[in-house]
N, C-alpha and C. Protein backbone atom coordinates (compact mmCIF):
# COMPACT_ATOMS: atom_id res chain seq x y z
N UNK A 1 16.64 -93.76 53.27
CA UNK A 1 17.44 -92.55 53.20
C UNK A 1 17.28 -91.92 51.83
N UNK A 2 17.18 -90.58 51.83
CA UNK A 2 17.15 -89.87 50.57
C UNK A 2 15.79 -89.82 49.90
N UNK A 3 14.69 -89.84 50.67
CA UNK A 3 13.36 -89.73 50.08
C UNK A 3 13.25 -88.43 49.30
N UNK A 4 12.59 -88.47 48.18
CA UNK A 4 12.43 -87.29 47.35
C UNK A 4 10.98 -86.82 47.44
N UNK A 5 10.78 -85.77 48.23
CA UNK A 5 9.44 -85.25 48.46
C UNK A 5 9.30 -83.81 47.97
N UNK A 6 10.23 -83.38 47.14
CA UNK A 6 10.29 -82.00 46.66
C UNK A 6 8.92 -81.52 46.18
N UNK A 7 8.58 -80.29 46.65
CA UNK A 7 7.37 -79.58 46.23
C UNK A 7 6.07 -80.27 46.60
N UNK A 8 6.08 -81.19 47.56
CA UNK A 8 4.83 -81.82 47.98
C UNK A 8 4.21 -81.02 49.12
N UNK A 9 3.01 -81.40 49.50
CA UNK A 9 2.33 -80.74 50.61
C UNK A 9 2.19 -81.72 51.76
N UNK A 10 2.83 -81.35 52.87
CA UNK A 10 2.73 -82.15 54.10
C UNK A 10 2.21 -81.26 55.22
N UNK A 11 1.35 -80.33 54.84
CA UNK A 11 0.80 -79.36 55.77
C UNK A 11 0.07 -80.09 56.91
N UNK A 12 0.47 -79.79 58.15
CA UNK A 12 -0.17 -80.38 59.31
C UNK A 12 0.17 -81.83 59.56
N UNK A 13 1.09 -82.39 58.80
CA UNK A 13 1.44 -83.81 58.94
C UNK A 13 2.12 -84.08 60.28
N UNK A 14 1.86 -85.26 60.82
CA UNK A 14 2.53 -85.70 62.05
C UNK A 14 3.74 -86.53 61.63
N UNK A 15 4.90 -85.93 61.70
CA UNK A 15 6.15 -86.60 61.31
C UNK A 15 7.06 -86.75 62.53
N UNK A 16 6.44 -86.90 63.71
CA UNK A 16 7.22 -87.10 64.93
C UNK A 16 8.10 -88.32 64.79
N UNK A 17 9.36 -88.16 65.18
CA UNK A 17 10.36 -89.23 65.16
C UNK A 17 10.61 -89.82 63.77
N UNK A 18 10.19 -89.10 62.72
CA UNK A 18 10.37 -89.60 61.35
C UNK A 18 11.86 -89.65 61.00
N UNK A 19 12.24 -90.65 60.24
CA UNK A 19 13.61 -90.81 59.76
C UNK A 19 13.66 -90.26 58.35
N UNK A 20 14.12 -89.01 58.23
CA UNK A 20 14.17 -88.34 56.94
C UNK A 20 15.60 -87.90 56.59
N UNK A 21 16.56 -88.69 57.04
CA UNK A 21 17.96 -88.38 56.79
C UNK A 21 18.22 -88.31 55.29
N UNK A 22 18.79 -87.20 54.85
CA UNK A 22 19.12 -87.01 53.44
C UNK A 22 17.93 -86.79 52.53
N UNK A 23 16.77 -86.57 53.11
CA UNK A 23 15.55 -86.39 52.30
C UNK A 23 15.60 -85.06 51.54
N UNK A 24 15.02 -85.05 50.36
CA UNK A 24 14.87 -83.83 49.59
C UNK A 24 13.50 -83.26 49.90
N UNK A 25 13.47 -82.28 50.79
CA UNK A 25 12.24 -81.62 51.20
C UNK A 25 12.22 -80.18 50.69
N UNK A 26 12.95 -79.94 49.62
CA UNK A 26 13.01 -78.61 49.04
C UNK A 26 11.64 -78.14 48.60
N UNK A 27 11.26 -76.94 49.04
CA UNK A 27 10.00 -76.30 48.68
C UNK A 27 8.77 -77.07 49.14
N UNK A 28 8.93 -77.97 50.11
CA UNK A 28 7.79 -78.72 50.64
C UNK A 28 6.99 -77.83 51.58
N UNK A 29 5.67 -77.96 51.51
CA UNK A 29 4.78 -77.21 52.39
C UNK A 29 4.66 -77.99 53.70
N UNK A 30 5.34 -77.50 54.75
CA UNK A 30 5.32 -78.14 56.07
C UNK A 30 4.62 -77.26 57.10
N UNK A 31 3.71 -76.40 56.64
CA UNK A 31 3.01 -75.51 57.55
C UNK A 31 2.32 -76.32 58.64
N UNK A 32 2.63 -76.01 59.91
CA UNK A 32 1.99 -76.67 61.03
C UNK A 32 2.37 -78.13 61.23
N UNK A 33 3.36 -78.62 60.50
CA UNK A 33 3.76 -80.03 60.62
C UNK A 33 4.47 -80.26 61.96
N UNK A 34 4.33 -81.47 62.47
CA UNK A 34 5.00 -81.86 63.71
C UNK A 34 6.22 -82.70 63.36
N UNK A 35 7.39 -82.10 63.51
CA UNK A 35 8.65 -82.77 63.20
C UNK A 35 9.44 -83.02 64.50
N UNK A 36 8.71 -83.20 65.59
CA UNK A 36 9.32 -83.39 66.90
C UNK A 36 10.19 -84.64 66.90
N UNK A 37 11.46 -84.47 67.24
CA UNK A 37 12.38 -85.59 67.31
C UNK A 37 12.74 -86.22 65.98
N UNK A 38 12.39 -85.58 64.88
CA UNK A 38 12.66 -86.14 63.55
C UNK A 38 14.16 -86.09 63.23
N UNK A 39 14.62 -87.10 62.51
CA UNK A 39 16.01 -87.13 62.04
C UNK A 39 16.02 -86.50 60.65
N UNK A 40 16.48 -85.25 60.60
CA UNK A 40 16.56 -84.50 59.35
C UNK A 40 18.01 -84.22 58.98
N UNK A 41 18.91 -85.10 59.41
CA UNK A 41 20.32 -84.93 59.08
C UNK A 41 20.50 -84.91 57.56
N UNK A 42 21.28 -83.96 57.10
CA UNK A 42 21.62 -83.84 55.68
C UNK A 42 20.41 -83.63 54.79
N UNK A 43 19.27 -83.25 55.36
CA UNK A 43 18.07 -83.02 54.56
C UNK A 43 18.15 -81.70 53.82
N UNK A 44 17.57 -81.66 52.65
CA UNK A 44 17.44 -80.44 51.88
C UNK A 44 16.09 -79.83 52.20
N UNK A 45 16.10 -78.71 52.91
CA UNK A 45 14.87 -77.99 53.24
C UNK A 45 14.88 -76.60 52.61
N UNK A 46 15.64 -76.44 51.52
CA UNK A 46 15.73 -75.15 50.84
C UNK A 46 14.35 -74.75 50.33
N UNK A 47 13.91 -73.57 50.76
CA UNK A 47 12.62 -73.06 50.29
C UNK A 47 11.41 -73.73 50.93
N UNK A 48 11.61 -74.60 51.91
CA UNK A 48 10.47 -75.25 52.57
C UNK A 48 9.65 -74.21 53.33
N UNK A 49 8.36 -74.44 53.38
CA UNK A 49 7.46 -73.54 54.10
C UNK A 49 7.27 -74.11 55.50
N UNK A 50 7.82 -73.41 56.51
CA UNK A 50 7.88 -73.94 57.86
C UNK A 50 7.07 -73.16 58.88
N UNK A 51 6.12 -72.36 58.43
CA UNK A 51 5.32 -71.57 59.36
C UNK A 51 4.59 -72.49 60.34
N UNK A 52 4.83 -72.28 61.62
CA UNK A 52 4.14 -73.04 62.65
C UNK A 52 4.59 -74.49 62.79
N UNK A 53 5.63 -74.90 62.08
CA UNK A 53 6.12 -76.28 62.18
C UNK A 53 6.84 -76.45 63.51
N UNK A 54 6.62 -77.58 64.17
CA UNK A 54 7.29 -77.87 65.43
C UNK A 54 8.56 -78.66 65.15
N UNK A 55 9.69 -78.07 65.52
CA UNK A 55 11.00 -78.69 65.27
C UNK A 55 11.67 -79.12 66.58
N UNK A 56 10.90 -79.22 67.65
CA UNK A 56 11.46 -79.55 68.96
C UNK A 56 12.23 -80.87 68.90
N UNK A 57 13.50 -80.81 69.34
CA UNK A 57 14.40 -81.96 69.39
C UNK A 57 14.69 -82.60 68.02
N UNK A 58 14.40 -81.88 66.94
CA UNK A 58 14.74 -82.38 65.60
C UNK A 58 16.25 -82.29 65.39
N UNK A 59 16.81 -83.29 64.74
CA UNK A 59 18.23 -83.33 64.44
C UNK A 59 18.43 -82.73 63.05
N UNK A 60 18.96 -81.50 63.02
CA UNK A 60 19.16 -80.79 61.76
C UNK A 60 20.65 -80.69 61.39
N UNK A 61 21.41 -81.66 61.85
CA UNK A 61 22.84 -81.71 61.55
C UNK A 61 23.05 -81.79 60.03
N UNK A 62 23.86 -80.90 59.49
CA UNK A 62 24.17 -80.86 58.05
C UNK A 62 22.97 -80.56 57.16
N UNK A 63 21.86 -80.14 57.73
CA UNK A 63 20.67 -79.83 56.93
C UNK A 63 20.84 -78.48 56.24
N UNK A 64 20.20 -78.33 55.10
CA UNK A 64 20.24 -77.07 54.35
C UNK A 64 18.89 -76.39 54.50
N UNK A 65 18.86 -75.31 55.29
CA UNK A 65 17.63 -74.58 55.59
C UNK A 65 17.62 -73.20 54.94
N UNK A 66 18.48 -72.98 53.97
CA UNK A 66 18.52 -71.68 53.33
C UNK A 66 17.21 -71.40 52.59
N UNK A 67 16.79 -70.15 52.66
CA UNK A 67 15.56 -69.69 51.99
C UNK A 67 14.30 -70.38 52.50
N UNK A 68 14.38 -71.05 53.66
CA UNK A 68 13.17 -71.65 54.24
C UNK A 68 12.21 -70.51 54.60
N UNK A 69 10.97 -70.67 54.26
CA UNK A 69 9.98 -69.62 54.50
C UNK A 69 9.43 -69.71 55.92
N UNK A 70 9.37 -68.56 56.57
CA UNK A 70 8.78 -68.42 57.90
C UNK A 70 9.49 -69.23 58.97
N UNK A 71 10.75 -69.52 58.79
CA UNK A 71 11.54 -70.19 59.82
C UNK A 71 11.99 -69.13 60.82
N UNK A 72 11.76 -69.37 62.09
CA UNK A 72 12.06 -68.37 63.12
C UNK A 72 13.14 -68.86 64.08
N UNK A 73 13.75 -67.92 64.77
CA UNK A 73 14.73 -68.25 65.79
C UNK A 73 14.06 -69.03 66.92
N UNK A 74 12.80 -68.77 67.17
CA UNK A 74 12.08 -69.51 68.21
C UNK A 74 11.97 -70.99 67.85
N UNK A 75 11.69 -71.29 66.60
CA UNK A 75 11.64 -72.68 66.16
C UNK A 75 13.02 -73.32 66.30
N UNK A 76 14.04 -72.61 65.86
CA UNK A 76 15.40 -73.15 65.89
C UNK A 76 15.90 -73.34 67.32
N UNK A 77 15.44 -72.54 68.25
CA UNK A 77 15.89 -72.65 69.64
C UNK A 77 15.51 -73.98 70.27
N UNK A 78 14.56 -74.69 69.70
CA UNK A 78 14.07 -75.94 70.27
C UNK A 78 14.65 -77.20 69.62
N UNK A 79 15.47 -77.03 68.58
CA UNK A 79 16.00 -78.21 67.89
C UNK A 79 17.08 -78.89 68.72
N UNK A 80 17.39 -80.11 68.38
CA UNK A 80 18.44 -80.86 69.07
C UNK A 80 19.82 -80.33 68.68
N UNK A 81 20.03 -80.13 67.40
CA UNK A 81 21.32 -79.63 66.92
C UNK A 81 21.19 -78.96 65.56
N UNK A 82 22.08 -77.98 65.35
CA UNK A 82 22.23 -77.32 64.05
C UNK A 82 23.67 -77.45 63.57
N UNK A 83 24.36 -78.45 64.09
CA UNK A 83 25.77 -78.65 63.76
C UNK A 83 25.95 -78.77 62.25
N UNK A 84 26.75 -77.89 61.69
CA UNK A 84 27.06 -77.84 60.25
C UNK A 84 25.83 -77.57 59.37
N UNK A 85 24.73 -77.09 59.95
CA UNK A 85 23.55 -76.75 59.17
C UNK A 85 23.80 -75.46 58.40
N UNK A 86 23.12 -75.33 57.28
CA UNK A 86 23.22 -74.12 56.47
C UNK A 86 21.95 -73.30 56.70
N UNK A 87 22.16 -72.05 57.15
CA UNK A 87 21.05 -71.14 57.43
C UNK A 87 21.27 -69.83 56.70
N UNK A 88 20.21 -69.08 56.51
CA UNK A 88 20.36 -67.73 55.98
C UNK A 88 21.20 -66.92 56.97
N UNK A 89 21.99 -65.97 56.48
CA UNK A 89 22.91 -65.22 57.35
C UNK A 89 22.24 -64.58 58.57
N UNK A 90 21.06 -64.02 58.40
CA UNK A 90 20.38 -63.36 59.51
C UNK A 90 20.04 -64.36 60.63
N UNK A 91 19.53 -65.52 60.26
CA UNK A 91 19.21 -66.54 61.26
C UNK A 91 20.48 -67.10 61.89
N UNK A 92 21.49 -67.32 61.09
CA UNK A 92 22.75 -67.84 61.63
C UNK A 92 23.32 -66.87 62.66
N UNK A 93 23.25 -65.60 62.38
CA UNK A 93 23.75 -64.59 63.31
C UNK A 93 22.99 -64.67 64.64
N UNK A 94 21.67 -64.83 64.57
CA UNK A 94 20.87 -64.93 65.79
C UNK A 94 21.22 -66.19 66.58
N UNK A 95 21.40 -67.31 65.87
CA UNK A 95 21.76 -68.56 66.54
C UNK A 95 23.12 -68.41 67.20
N UNK A 96 24.08 -67.80 66.50
CA UNK A 96 25.42 -67.62 67.05
C UNK A 96 25.40 -66.76 68.32
N UNK A 97 24.47 -65.81 68.39
CA UNK A 97 24.38 -64.92 69.55
C UNK A 97 23.65 -65.58 70.72
N UNK A 98 22.55 -66.27 70.44
CA UNK A 98 21.67 -66.75 71.52
C UNK A 98 21.77 -68.24 71.82
N UNK A 99 22.12 -69.04 70.82
CA UNK A 99 22.06 -70.50 70.98
C UNK A 99 23.30 -71.18 70.41
N UNK A 100 24.45 -70.68 70.77
CA UNK A 100 25.73 -71.20 70.26
C UNK A 100 25.85 -72.70 70.46
N UNK A 101 25.32 -73.21 71.56
CA UNK A 101 25.42 -74.64 71.85
C UNK A 101 24.83 -75.51 70.74
N UNK A 102 23.86 -74.97 69.99
CA UNK A 102 23.26 -75.75 68.91
C UNK A 102 24.20 -75.96 67.73
N UNK A 103 25.25 -75.15 67.66
CA UNK A 103 26.21 -75.25 66.57
C UNK A 103 27.39 -76.15 66.90
N UNK A 104 27.46 -76.60 68.15
CA UNK A 104 28.55 -77.47 68.58
C UNK A 104 28.30 -78.91 68.14
N UNK A 105 29.37 -79.65 67.99
CA UNK A 105 29.26 -81.06 67.60
C UNK A 105 28.53 -81.84 68.70
N UNK A 106 27.44 -82.54 68.33
CA UNK A 106 26.70 -83.32 69.32
C UNK A 106 27.53 -84.48 69.86
N UNK A 107 27.23 -84.86 71.07
CA UNK A 107 27.99 -85.94 71.72
C UNK A 107 27.54 -87.32 71.27
N UNK A 108 26.36 -87.41 70.69
CA UNK A 108 25.86 -88.75 70.29
C UNK A 108 26.26 -89.15 68.90
C-alpha cells in the first residue's frame, strides 16, 4: 500500500487487477495503460496522463483524479465505483447527470 510512482512512465503497461491502493500516481504517464479491475482506492492520480487508459471495473473509491489529463466521461462510465472520488467539476457534473450510480456507496 502507498507505492510512490510519482512522475514515472507506465505508458501501455498492463496493470490489470493491480493492487495500487493509496498509491501516489501523481503526474504518471498512463497513456494506453490497462488498469482493468485495478484497486486504485485512495490513489493520488492528480495530473496523471490517462489518454486511452482502460479503467473498466477499476475501483476508484476515494481516489483523487483532479487535473488528470485526457480523462473522459467514457472512461469513467466503465469504472466499478467513484464513491468519494475527487474529480474536476466538469467531469463530476457529467457523472452526476449520466452515471449517478457510480457515486453511491458500493455494497462490497
